[in-house]
């Protein structure tokens, strides 16, 4: 009867673990809370050579935006070039406008100057990655994501690849084959902090850094996770609130504890069965 009770208890634990929601569900350890996780690209010294973006506001005209961004209202043609199909007389408030780089590429440069950036979750193919722009915060995929930096001179090549067999291959395959594509394969997100913290948002700055000055071509560059900052609901910086490492802070914490308990119960049960087994002559 004792062993039957033990098996019944273990069955309850197994059922609980099997029924536990996936990591994306709202499982969280006591004393912690979830926060909004976002990131922003910092293109460093290449910023003026990269495309940016801006939301169209009430009362905007292309001449007004060109004057604001470039200090030159005659650069409307650059805005039209970056926004195919845009009708100047029909600007939609709230729509995203792609801004042409402030500076033209340096003639004869031996390195990539302008960059396009894309972000995808760990399950996304390259065709599913979303484009992001320097200086504009974006929602970071939960449980980690990858970042791709593409030499702007190869933007058309990259778009063609995404439309063709980019759906069948994972980003690592492209990074190995294309010298003008830089891949940061795994950026971890920490979306849980101490419950007592006033923070509601964690912002990670992703920086385009030079990896090896002696390297040749685009592979000498990489996007890396830089500083992380916490902000309250009003956007004011918050100090403290970090959990020690990832201890108890991820959505999978409760699931991990349950699996550990199951392992211990299994070990104890196996030991009990071995002790109760009759000796073999």
C-alpha atoms as a PDB file:
ATOM      1  CA  UNK A   1       0.000   0.000   0.000  1.00  0.00           C
ATOM      2  CA  UNK A   2       2.862   2.362   0.801  1.00  0.00           C
ATOM      3  CA  UNK A   3       4.333   1.868  -2.662  1.00  0.00           C
ATOM      4  CA  UNK A   4       0.923   2.407  -4.258  1.00  0.00           C
ATOM      5  CA  UNK A   5       0.653   5.724  -2.409  1.00  0.00           C
ATOM      6  CA  UNK A   6       4.120   6.686  -3.580  1.00  0.00           C
ATOM      7  CA  UNK A   7       3.278   5.914  -7.223  1.00  0.00           C
ATOM      8  CA  UNK A   8       0.046   7.908  -6.907  1.00  0.00           C
ATOM      9  CA  UNK A   9       1.961  10.910  -5.578  1.00  0.00           C
ATOM     10  CA  UNK A  10       4.511  10.653  -8.359  1.00  0.00           C
ATOM     11  CA  UNK A  11       1.709  10.456 -10.930  1.00  0.00           C
ATOM     12  CA  UNK A  12       0.314  13.744  -9.608  1.00  0.00           C
ATOM     13  CA  UNK A  13       3.713  15.415  -9.998  1.00  0.00           C
ATOM     14  CA  UNK A  14       4.150  14.020 -13.521  1.00  0.00           C
ATOM     15  CA  UNK A  15       0.691  15.263 -14.489  1.00  0.00           C
ATOM     16  CA  UNK A  16       1.440  18.701 -13.028  1.00  0.00           C
ATOM     17  CA  UNK A  17       4.688  19.043 -14.966  1.00  0.00           C
ATOM     18  CA  UNK A  18       3.141  17.755 -18.182  1.00  0.00           C
ATOM     19  CA  UNK A  19       0.290  20.214 -17.852  1.00  0.00           C
ATOM     20  CA  UNK A  20       2.546  23.155 -17.019  1.00  0.00           C
ATOM     21  CA  UNK A  21       2.232  26.005 -19.524  1.00  0.00           C
ATOM     22  CA  UNK A  22       5.114  26.734 -21.920  1.00  0.00           C
ATOM     23  CA  UNK A  23       7.855  29.162 -20.968  1.00  0.00           C
ATOM     24  CA  UNK A  24       5.948  32.060 -22.499  1.00  0.00           C
ATOM     25  CA  UNK A  25       3.088  31.661 -20.029  1.00  0.00           C
ATOM     26  CA  UNK A  26       2.804  33.760 -16.895  1.00  0.00           C
ATOM     27  CA  UNK A  27       4.763  31.511 -14.541  1.00  0.00           C
ATOM     28  CA  UNK A  28       6.959  33.526 -12.219  1.00  0.00           C
ATOM     29  CA  UNK A  29       8.767  32.884  -8.964  1.00  0.00           C
ATOM     30  CA  UNK A  30       7.541  34.543  -5.756  1.00  0.00           C
ATOM     31  CA  UNK A  31       9.003  37.996  -5.130  1.00  0.00           C
ATOM     32  CA  UNK A  32       9.456  38.791  -8.831  1.00  0.00           C
ATOM     33  CA  UNK A  33       7.419  40.435 -11.577  1.00  0.00           C
ATOM     34  CA  UNK A  34       7.425  40.691 -15.351  1.00  0.00           C
ATOM     35  CA  UNK A  35       8.425  43.921 -17.094  1.00  0.00           C
ATOM     36  CA  UNK A  36       8.358  45.135 -20.680  1.00  0.00           C
ATOM     37  CA  UNK A  37      11.602  44.245 -22.462  1.00  0.00           C
ATOM     38  CA  UNK A  38      12.743  46.462 -25.304  1.00  0.00           C
ATOM     39  CA  UNK A  39      15.932  47.311 -27.166  1.00  0.00           C
ATOM     40  CA  UNK A  40      17.419  50.053 -29.314  1.00  0.00           C
ATOM     41  CA  UNK A  41      20.174  49.983 -31.953  1.00  0.00           C
ATOM     42  CA  UNK A  42      23.173  52.308 -31.549  1.00  0.00           C
ATOM     43  CA  UNK A  43      25.018  52.510 -34.885  1.00  0.00           C
ATOM     44  CA  UNK A  44      27.866  54.533 -33.405  1.00  0.00           C
ATOM     45  CA  UNK A  45      30.033  56.395 -35.896  1.00  0.00           C
ATOM     46  CA  UNK A  46      27.956  54.960 -38.754  1.00  0.00           C
ATOM     47  CA  UNK A  47      24.712  56.553 -37.546  1.00  0.00           C
ATOM     48  CA  UNK A  48      24.654  59.387 -40.108  1.00  0.00           C
ATOM     49  CA  UNK A  49      25.130  56.830 -42.915  1.00  0.00           C
ATOM     50  CA  UNK A  50      22.210  54.622 -41.838  1.00  0.00           C
ATOM     51  CA  UNK A  51      18.537  54.928 -42.642  1.00  0.00           C
ATOM     52  CA  UNK A  52      16.323  55.908 -39.719  1.00  0.00           C
ATOM     53  CA  UNK A  53      12.574  56.101 -39.207  1.00  0.00           C
ATOM     54  CA  UNK A  54      10.028  58.580 -37.896  1.00  0.00           C
ATOM     55  CA  UNK A  55       6.295  58.486 -37.263  1.00  0.00           C
ATOM     56  CA  UNK A  56       4.230  60.895 -39.311  1.00  0.00           C
ATOM     57  CA  UNK A  57       2.550  63.478 -37.083  1.00  0.00           C
ATOM     58  CA  UNK A  58      -0.433  65.757 -37.465  1.00  0.00           C
ATOM     59  CA  UNK A  59       0.459  68.736 -39.667  1.00  0.00           C
ATOM     60  CA  UNK A  60       3.529  67.071 -41.216  1.00  0.00           C
ATOM     61  CA  UNK A  61       4.576  67.650 -44.802  1.00  0.00           C
ATOM     62  CA  UNK A  62       7.583  66.126 -46.522  1.00  0.00           C
ATOM     63  CA  UNK A  63       9.181  69.577 -46.761  1.00  0.00           C
ATOM     64  CA  UNK A  64       8.719  70.085 -43.019  1.00  0.00           C
ATOM     65  CA  UNK A  65      10.202  66.668 -42.214  1.00  0.00           C
ATOM     66  CA  UNK A  66      13.144  67.245 -44.577  1.00  0.00           C
ATOM     67  CA  UNK A  67      13.865  70.573 -42.889  1.00  0.00           C
ATOM     68  CA  UNK A  68      13.633  68.993 -39.429  1.00  0.00           C
ATOM     69  CA  UNK A  69      15.825  65.955 -40.215  1.00  0.00           C
ATOM     70  CA  UNK A  70      18.337  67.317 -42.710  1.00  0.00           C
ATOM     71  CA  UNK A  71      18.034  71.070 -42.310  1.00  0.00           C
ATOM     72  CA  UNK A  72      17.219  71.150 -46.016  1.00  0.00           C
ATOM     73  CA  UNK A  73      13.591  71.148 -47.291  1.00  0.00           C
ATOM     74  CA  UNK A  74      14.777  70.278 -50.808  1.00  0.00           C
ATOM     75  CA  UNK A  75      15.657  66.715 -49.760  1.00  0.00           C
ATOM     76  CA  UNK A  76      12.074  65.571 -50.259  1.00  0.00           C
ATOM     77  CA  UNK A  77      13.327  63.443 -53.167  1.00  0.00           C
ATOM     78  CA  UNK A  78      15.397  61.382 -50.704  1.00  0.00           C
ATOM     79  CA  UNK A  79      12.290  60.690 -48.622  1.00  0.00           C
ATOM     80  CA  UNK A  80      10.314  59.632 -51.678  1.00  0.00           C
ATOM     81  CA  UNK A  81      13.134  57.337 -52.771  1.00  0.00           C
ATOM     82  CA  UNK A  82      13.096  55.515 -49.425  1.00  0.00           C
ATOM     83  CA  UNK A  83       9.293  55.219 -49.284  1.00  0.00           C
ATOM     84  CA  UNK A  84       8.039  53.631 -52.477  1.00  0.00           C
ATOM     85  CA  UNK A  85       4.436  54.551 -53.277  1.00  0.00           C
ATOM     86  CA  UNK A  86       4.303  57.447 -50.803  1.00  0.00           C
ATOM     87  CA  UNK A  87       1.949  60.239 -51.905  1.00  0.00           C
ATOM     88  CA  UNK A  88       3.085  63.598 -50.436  1.00  0.00           C
ATOM     89  CA  UNK A  89      -0.480  64.942 -50.328  1.00  0.00           C
ATOM     90  CA  UNK A  90      -1.786  61.876 -48.468  1.00  0.00           C
ATOM     91  CA  UNK A  91       0.503  61.393 -45.468  1.00  0.00           C
ATOM     92  CA  UNK A  92      -1.117  59.088 -42.915  1.00  0.00           C
ATOM     93  CA  UNK A  93      -0.726  60.187 -39.308  1.00  0.00           C
ATOM     94  CA  UNK A  94       0.933  57.432 -37.271  1.00  0.00           C
ATOM     95  CA  UNK A  95       2.502  55.704 -40.287  1.00  0.00           C
ATOM     96  CA  UNK A  96       6.242  54.974 -40.285  1.00  0.00           C
ATOM     97  CA  UNK A  97       8.377  57.015 -42.654  1.00  0.00           C
ATOM     98  CA  UNK A  98      11.831  55.718 -43.592  1.00  0.00           C
ATOM     99  CA  UNK A  99      14.430  58.482 -43.467  1.00  0.00           C
ATOM    100  CA  UNK A 100      17.306  58.477 -45.922  1.00  0.00           C
ATOM    101  CA  UNK A 101      20.800  58.677 -44.397  1.00  0.00           C
ATOM    102  CA  UNK A 102      21.944  62.177 -43.499  1.00  0.00           C
ATOM    103  CA  UNK A 103      25.247  61.598 -45.257  1.00  0.00           C
ATOM    104  CA  UNK A 104      26.079  59.872 -48.532  1.00  0.00           C
ATOM    105  CA  UNK A 105      28.440  56.848 -48.440  1.00  0.00           C
ATOM    106  CA  UNK A 106      32.116  57.715 -48.506  1.00  0.00           C
ATOM    107  CA  UNK A 107      33.426  57.180 -52.014  1.00  0.00           C
ATOM    108  CA  UNK A 108      36.111  54.500 -52.229  1.00  0.00           C
ATOM    109  CA  UNK A 109      35.629  53.356 -48.618  1.00  0.00           C
ATOM    110  CA  UNK A 110      37.083  49.914 -47.934  1.00  0.00           C
ATOM    111  CA  UNK A 111      34.539  49.183 -45.187  1.00  0.00           C
ATOM    112  CA  UNK A 112      30.772  49.046 -44.930  1.00  0.00           C
ATOM    113  CA  UNK A 113      29.428  52.479 -44.024  1.00  0.00           C
ATOM    114  CA  UNK A 114      25.641  52.220 -44.054  1.00  0.00           C
ATOM    115  CA  UNK A 115      23.830  49.382 -42.292  1.00  0.00           C
ATOM    116  CA  UNK A 116      20.353  47.869 -42.203  1.00  0.00           C
ATOM    117  CA  UNK A 117      19.298  45.980 -39.073  1.00  0.00           C
ATOM    118  CA  UNK A 118      16.870  43.081 -38.578  1.00  0.00           C
ATOM    119  CA  UNK A 119      15.665  41.259 -35.461  1.00  0.00           C
ATOM    120  CA  UNK A 120      14.085  37.809 -35.159  1.00  0.00           C
ATOM    121  CA  UNK A 121      13.119  35.474 -32.352  1.00  0.00           C
ATOM    122  CA  UNK A 122      14.970  32.200 -31.932  1.00  0.00           C
ATOM    123  CA  UNK A 123      12.301  30.473 -34.038  1.00  0.00           C
ATOM    124  CA  UNK A 124      12.256  32.932 -36.943  1.00  0.00           C
ATOM    125  CA  UNK A 125      13.864  32.332 -40.310  1.00  0.00           C
ATOM    126  CA  UNK A 126      15.681  35.205 -41.937  1.00  0.00           C
ATOM    127  CA  UNK A 127      12.593  35.927 -44.028  1.00  0.00           C
ATOM    128  CA  UNK A 128      10.558  36.405 -40.841  1.00  0.00           C
ATOM    129  CA  UNK A 129      12.940  38.824 -39.141  1.00  0.00           C
ATOM    130  CA  UNK A 130      11.639  42.390 -38.701  1.00  0.00           C
ATOM    131  CA  UNK A 131      13.560  45.453 -39.743  1.00  0.00           C
ATOM    132  CA  UNK A 132      14.483  47.886 -36.967  1.00  0.00           C
ATOM    133  CA  UNK A 133      16.084  51.324 -37.145  1.00  0.00           C
ATOM    134  CA  UNK A 134      18.851  52.979 -35.107  1.00  0.00           C
ATOM    135  CA  UNK A 135      17.590  55.123 -32.259  1.00  0.00           C
ATOM    136  CA  UNK A 136      14.049  53.680 -32.300  1.00  0.00           C
ATOM    137  CA  UNK A 137      13.073  51.397 -29.424  1.00  0.00           C
ATOM    138  CA  UNK A 138      11.430  48.097 -30.340  1.00  0.00           C
ATOM    139  CA  UNK A 139       9.809  45.300 -28.344  1.00  0.00           C
ATOM    140  CA  UNK A 140      12.388  42.567 -27.776  1.00  0.00           C
ATOM    141  CA  UNK A 141      11.181  38.988 -28.385  1.00  0.00           C
ATOM    142  CA  UNK A 142      10.862  37.024 -25.144  1.00  0.00           C
ATOM    143  CA  UNK A 143      13.434  34.408 -24.192  1.00  0.00           C
ATOM    144  CA  UNK A 144      16.054  35.801 -26.568  1.00  0.00           C
ATOM    145  CA  UNK A 145      16.490  36.894 -30.170  1.00  0.00           C
ATOM    146  CA  UNK A 146      19.060  37.332 -32.921  1.00  0.00           C
ATOM    147  CA  UNK A 147      20.211  40.527 -34.662  1.00  0.00           C
ATOM    148  CA  UNK A 148      21.370  40.810 -38.275  1.00  0.00           C
ATOM    149  CA  UNK A 149      23.333  43.765 -39.658  1.00  0.00           C
ATOM    150  CA  UNK A 150      23.435  44.052 -43.453  1.00  0.00           C
ATOM    151  CA  UNK A 151      25.771  46.253 -45.468  1.00  0.00           C
ATOM    152  CA  UNK A 152      23.382  48.789 -47.056  1.00  0.00           C
ATOM    153  CA  UNK A 153      25.219  48.405 -50.352  1.00  0.00           C
ATOM    154  CA  UNK A 154      23.767  44.868 -50.500  1.00  0.00           C
ATOM    155  CA  UNK A 155      20.227  45.784 -49.412  1.00  0.00           C
ATOM    156  CA  UNK A 156      18.747  44.655 -52.736  1.00  0.00           C
ATOM    157  CA  UNK A 157      20.618  41.327 -52.558  1.00  0.00           C
ATOM    158  CA  UNK A 158      19.364  40.762 -49.028  1.00  0.00           C
ATOM    159  CA  UNK A 159      15.761  41.569 -49.970  1.00  0.00           C
ATOM    160  CA  UNK A 160      15.959  39.117 -52.872  1.00  0.00           C
ATOM    161  CA  UNK A 161      17.300  36.350 -50.634  1.00  0.00           C
ATOM    162  CA  UNK A 162      14.538  36.931 -48.077  1.00  0.00           C
ATOM    163  CA  UNK A 163      11.918  36.592 -50.794  1.00  0.00           C
ATOM    164  CA  UNK A 164      13.378  33.415 -52.303  1.00  0.00           C
ATOM    165  CA  UNK A 165      14.923  30.701 -50.150  1.00  0.00           C
ATOM    166  CA  UNK A 166      15.278  32.768 -46.987  1.00  0.00           C
ATOM    167  CA  UNK A 167      12.207  30.933 -45.680  1.00  0.00           C
ATOM    168  CA  UNK A 168      13.971  27.566 -45.748  1.00  0.00           C
ATOM    169  CA  UNK A 169      17.247  28.431 -44.059  1.00  0.00           C
ATOM    170  CA  UNK A 170      18.071  29.608 -40.578  1.00  0.00           C
ATOM    171  CA  UNK A 171      20.125  32.808 -40.077  1.00  0.00           C
ATOM    172  CA  UNK A 172      23.292  30.900 -39.197  1.00  0.00           C
ATOM    173  CA  UNK A 173      23.369  29.475 -42.712  1.00  0.00           C
ATOM    174  CA  UNK A 174      23.221  32.895 -44.309  1.00  0.00           C
ATOM    175  CA  UNK A 175      25.865  34.359 -42.019  1.00  0.00           C
ATOM    176  CA  UNK A 176      28.317  31.648 -42.999  1.00  0.00           C
ATOM    177  CA  UNK A 177      27.693  32.156 -46.726  1.00  0.00           C
ATOM    178  CA  UNK A 178      27.471  35.944 -47.050  1.00  0.00           C
ATOM    179  CA  UNK A 179      30.469  38.146 -46.167  1.00  0.00           C
ATOM    180  CA  UNK A 180      28.311  41.306 -46.033  1.00  0.00           C
ATOM    181  CA  UNK A 181      25.928  39.911 -43.381  1.00  0.00           C
ATOM    182  CA  UNK A 182      26.830  40.055 -39.692  1.00  0.00           C
ATOM    183  CA  UNK A 183      24.888  37.882 -37.277  1.00  0.00           C
ATOM    184  CA  UNK A 184      24.603  38.089 -33.515  1.00  0.00           C
ATOM    185  CA  UNK A 185      22.999  34.682 -32.887  1.00  0.00           C
ATOM    186  CA  UNK A 186      21.684  35.029 -29.360  1.00  0.00           C
ATOM    187  CA  UNK A 187      20.763  38.073 -27.284  1.00  0.00           C
ATOM    188  CA  UNK A 188      19.175  37.026 -23.996  1.00  0.00           C
ATOM    189  CA  UNK A 189      16.294  38.920 -22.473  1.00  0.00           C
ATOM    190  CA  UNK A 190      15.626  39.264 -18.746  1.00  0.00           C
ATOM    191  CA  UNK A 191      11.972  40.161 -18.396  1.00  0.00           C
ATOM    192  CA  UNK A 192      11.589  39.531 -14.666  1.00  0.00           C
ATOM    193  CA  UNK A 193      12.909  41.660 -11.809  1.00  0.00           C
ATOM    194  CA  UNK A 194      12.326  42.041  -8.078  1.00  0.00           C
ATOM    195  CA  UNK A 195       8.665  42.698  -7.362  1.00  0.00           C
ATOM    196  CA  UNK A 196       9.544  45.634  -5.099  1.00  0.00           C
ATOM    197  CA  UNK A 197      11.241  47.514  -7.956  1.00  0.00           C
ATOM    198  CA  UNK A 198       9.438  50.491  -9.513  1.00  0.00           C
ATOM    199  CA  UNK A 199      10.781  49.490 -12.927  1.00  0.00           C
ATOM    200  CA  UNK A 200       8.260  48.619 -15.625  1.00  0.00           C
ATOM    201  CA  UNK A 201      10.619  48.520 -18.616  1.00  0.00           C
ATOM    202  CA  UNK A 202      14.116  47.191 -19.309  1.00  0.00           C
ATOM    203  CA  UNK A 203      15.891  48.735 -22.304  1.00  0.00           C
ATOM    204  CA  UNK A 204      18.982  47.105 -23.818  1.00  0.00           C
ATOM    205  CA  UNK A 205      21.243  49.134 -26.094  1.00  0.00           C
ATOM    206  CA  UNK A 206      22.563  47.044 -29.003  1.00  0.00           C
ATOM    207  CA  UNK A 207      25.855  48.473 -30.256  1.00  0.00           C
ATOM    208  CA  UNK A 208      27.600  48.010 -33.582  1.00  0.00           C
ATOM    209  CA  UNK A 209      31.184  47.339 -32.559  1.00  0.00           C
ATOM    210  CA  UNK A 210      34.425  46.526 -34.289  1.00  0.00           C
ATOM    211  CA  UNK A 211      35.494  43.008 -33.346  1.00  0.00           C
ATOM    212  CA  UNK A 212      38.919  42.720 -34.936  1.00  0.00           C
ATOM    213  CA  UNK A 213      40.651  45.700 -36.535  1.00  0.00           C
ATOM    214  CA  UNK A 214      42.882  43.370 -38.561  1.00  0.00           C
ATOM    215  CA  UNK A 215      39.939  41.528 -40.155  1.00  0.00           C
ATOM    216  CA  UNK A 216      38.799  42.150 -43.707  1.00  0.00           C
ATOM    217  CA  UNK A 217      35.299  43.122 -44.842  1.00  0.00           C
ATOM    218  CA  UNK A 218      31.992  43.209 -42.984  1.00  0.00           C
ATOM    219  CA  UNK A 219      32.841  40.320 -40.670  1.00  0.00           C
ATOM    220  CA  UNK A 220      34.958  42.652 -38.573  1.00  0.00           C
ATOM    221  CA  UNK A 221      31.721  44.123 -37.187  1.00  0.00           C
ATOM    222  CA  UNK A 222      29.222  42.686 -34.760  1.00  0.00           C
ATOM    223  CA  UNK A 223      26.111  43.859 -32.928  1.00  0.00           C
ATOM    224  CA  UNK A 224      26.549  43.282 -29.200  1.00  0.00           C
ATOM    225  CA  UNK A 225      24.335  43.911 -26.178  1.00  0.00           C
ATOM    226  CA  UNK A 226      25.630  46.932 -24.298  1.00  0.00           C
ATOM    227  CA  UNK A 227      24.126  48.726 -21.310  1.00  0.00           C
ATOM    228  CA  UNK A 228      20.787  47.769 -19.815  1.00  0.00           C
ATOM    229  CA  UNK A 229      18.622  50.390 -18.117  1.00  0.00           C
ATOM    230  CA  UNK A 230      15.387  50.210 -16.122  1.00  0.00           C
ATOM    231  CA  UNK A 231      12.586  52.780 -16.272  1.00  0.00           C
ATOM    232  CA  UNK A 232       9.356  53.303 -14.340  1.00  0.00           C
ATOM    233  CA  UNK A 233       5.931  53.789 -15.953  1.00  0.00           C
ATOM    234  CA  UNK A 234       6.671  57.501 -16.474  1.00  0.00           C
ATOM    235  CA  UNK A 235       9.990  56.836 -18.187  1.00  0.00           C
ATOM    236  CA  UNK A 236      12.197  57.841 -15.273  1.00  0.00           C
ATOM    237  CA  UNK A 237      15.388  55.797 -14.652  1.00  0.00           C
ATOM    238  CA  UNK A 238      15.212  53.223 -11.852  1.00  0.00           C
ATOM    239  CA  UNK A 239      18.207  51.940  -9.883  1.00  0.00           C
ATOM    240  CA  UNK A 240      18.342  48.360  -8.584  1.00  0.00           C
ATOM    241  CA  UNK A 241      15.828  45.569  -8.964  1.00  0.00           C
ATOM    242  CA  UNK A 242      18.021  43.076 -10.829  1.00  0.00           C
ATOM    243  CA  UNK A 243      17.745  39.442  -9.881  1.00  0.00           C
ATOM    244  CA  UNK A 244      20.926  37.522  -9.177  1.00  0.00           C
ATOM    245  CA  UNK A 245      21.780  36.108 -12.604  1.00  0.00           C
ATOM    246  CA  UNK A 246      18.695  34.313 -13.883  1.00  0.00           C
ATOM    247  CA  UNK A 247      17.764  32.854 -10.496  1.00  0.00           C
ATOM    248  CA  UNK A 248      14.041  32.566 -10.241  1.00  0.00           C
ATOM    249  CA  UNK A 249      13.649  35.353 -12.753  1.00  0.00           C
ATOM    250  CA  UNK A 250      12.542  33.615 -15.901  1.00  0.00           C
ATOM    251  CA  UNK A 251       9.093  32.347 -16.806  1.00  0.00           C
ATOM    252  CA  UNK A 252      10.487  28.813 -16.823  1.00  0.00           C
ATOM    253  CA  UNK A 253      11.603  28.945 -13.185  1.00  0.00           C
ATOM    254  CA  UNK A 254       8.561  27.164 -11.734  1.00  0.00           C
ATOM    255  CA  UNK A 255       8.756  24.541 -14.461  1.00  0.00           C
ATOM    256  CA  UNK A 256      12.429  23.911 -13.689  1.00  0.00           C
ATOM    257  CA  UNK A 257      11.665  23.501  -9.976  1.00  0.00           C
ATOM    258  CA  UNK A 258       8.924  20.975 -10.777  1.00  0.00           C
ATOM    259  CA  UNK A 259      11.255  18.957 -12.999  1.00  0.00           C
ATOM    260  CA  UNK A 260      13.907  18.960 -10.292  1.00  0.00           C
ATOM    261  CA  UNK A 261      11.337  17.709  -7.764  1.00  0.00           C
ATOM    262  CA  UNK A 262      10.300  14.965 -10.169  1.00  0.00           C
ATOM    263  CA  UNK A 263      13.914  13.866 -10.579  1.00  0.00           C
ATOM    264  CA  UNK A 264      14.405  13.663  -6.816  1.00  0.00           C
ATOM    265  CA  UNK A 265      11.178  11.702  -6.322  1.00  0.00           C
ATOM    266  CA  UNK A 266      12.190   9.322  -9.096  1.00  0.00           C
ATOM    267  CA  UNK A 267      15.583   8.734  -7.499  1.00  0.00           C
ATOM    268  CA  UNK A 268      14.041   8.072  -4.086  1.00  0.00           C
ATOM    269  CA  UNK A 269      11.477   5.713  -5.605  1.00  0.00           C
ATOM    270  CA  UNK A 270      14.128   3.743  -7.470  1.00  0.00           C
ATOM    271  CA  UNK A 271      16.152   3.366  -4.282  1.00  0.00           C
ATOM    272  CA  UNK A 272      13.061   2.133  -2.409  1.00  0.00           C
ATOM    273  CA  UNK A 273      12.280  -0.439  -5.079  1.00  0.00           C
ATOM    274  CA  UNK A 274      15.814  -1.768  -5.016  1.00  0.00           C
ATOM    275  CA  UNK A 275      15.656  -2.179  -1.238  1.00  0.00           C
ATOM    276  CA  UNK A 276      12.314  -3.999  -1.381  1.00  0.00           C
ATOM    277  CA  UNK A 277      13.338  -6.334  -4.196  1.00  0.00           C
ATOM    278  CA  UNK A 278      13.911  -9.932  -3.064  1.00  0.00           C
ATOM    279  CA  UNK A 279      17.469 -11.141  -3.060  1.00  0.00           C
ATOM    280  CA  UNK A 280      18.467 -13.338  -5.982  1.00  0.00           C
ATOM    281  CA  UNK A 281      19.980 -16.626  -4.939  1.00  0.00           C
END
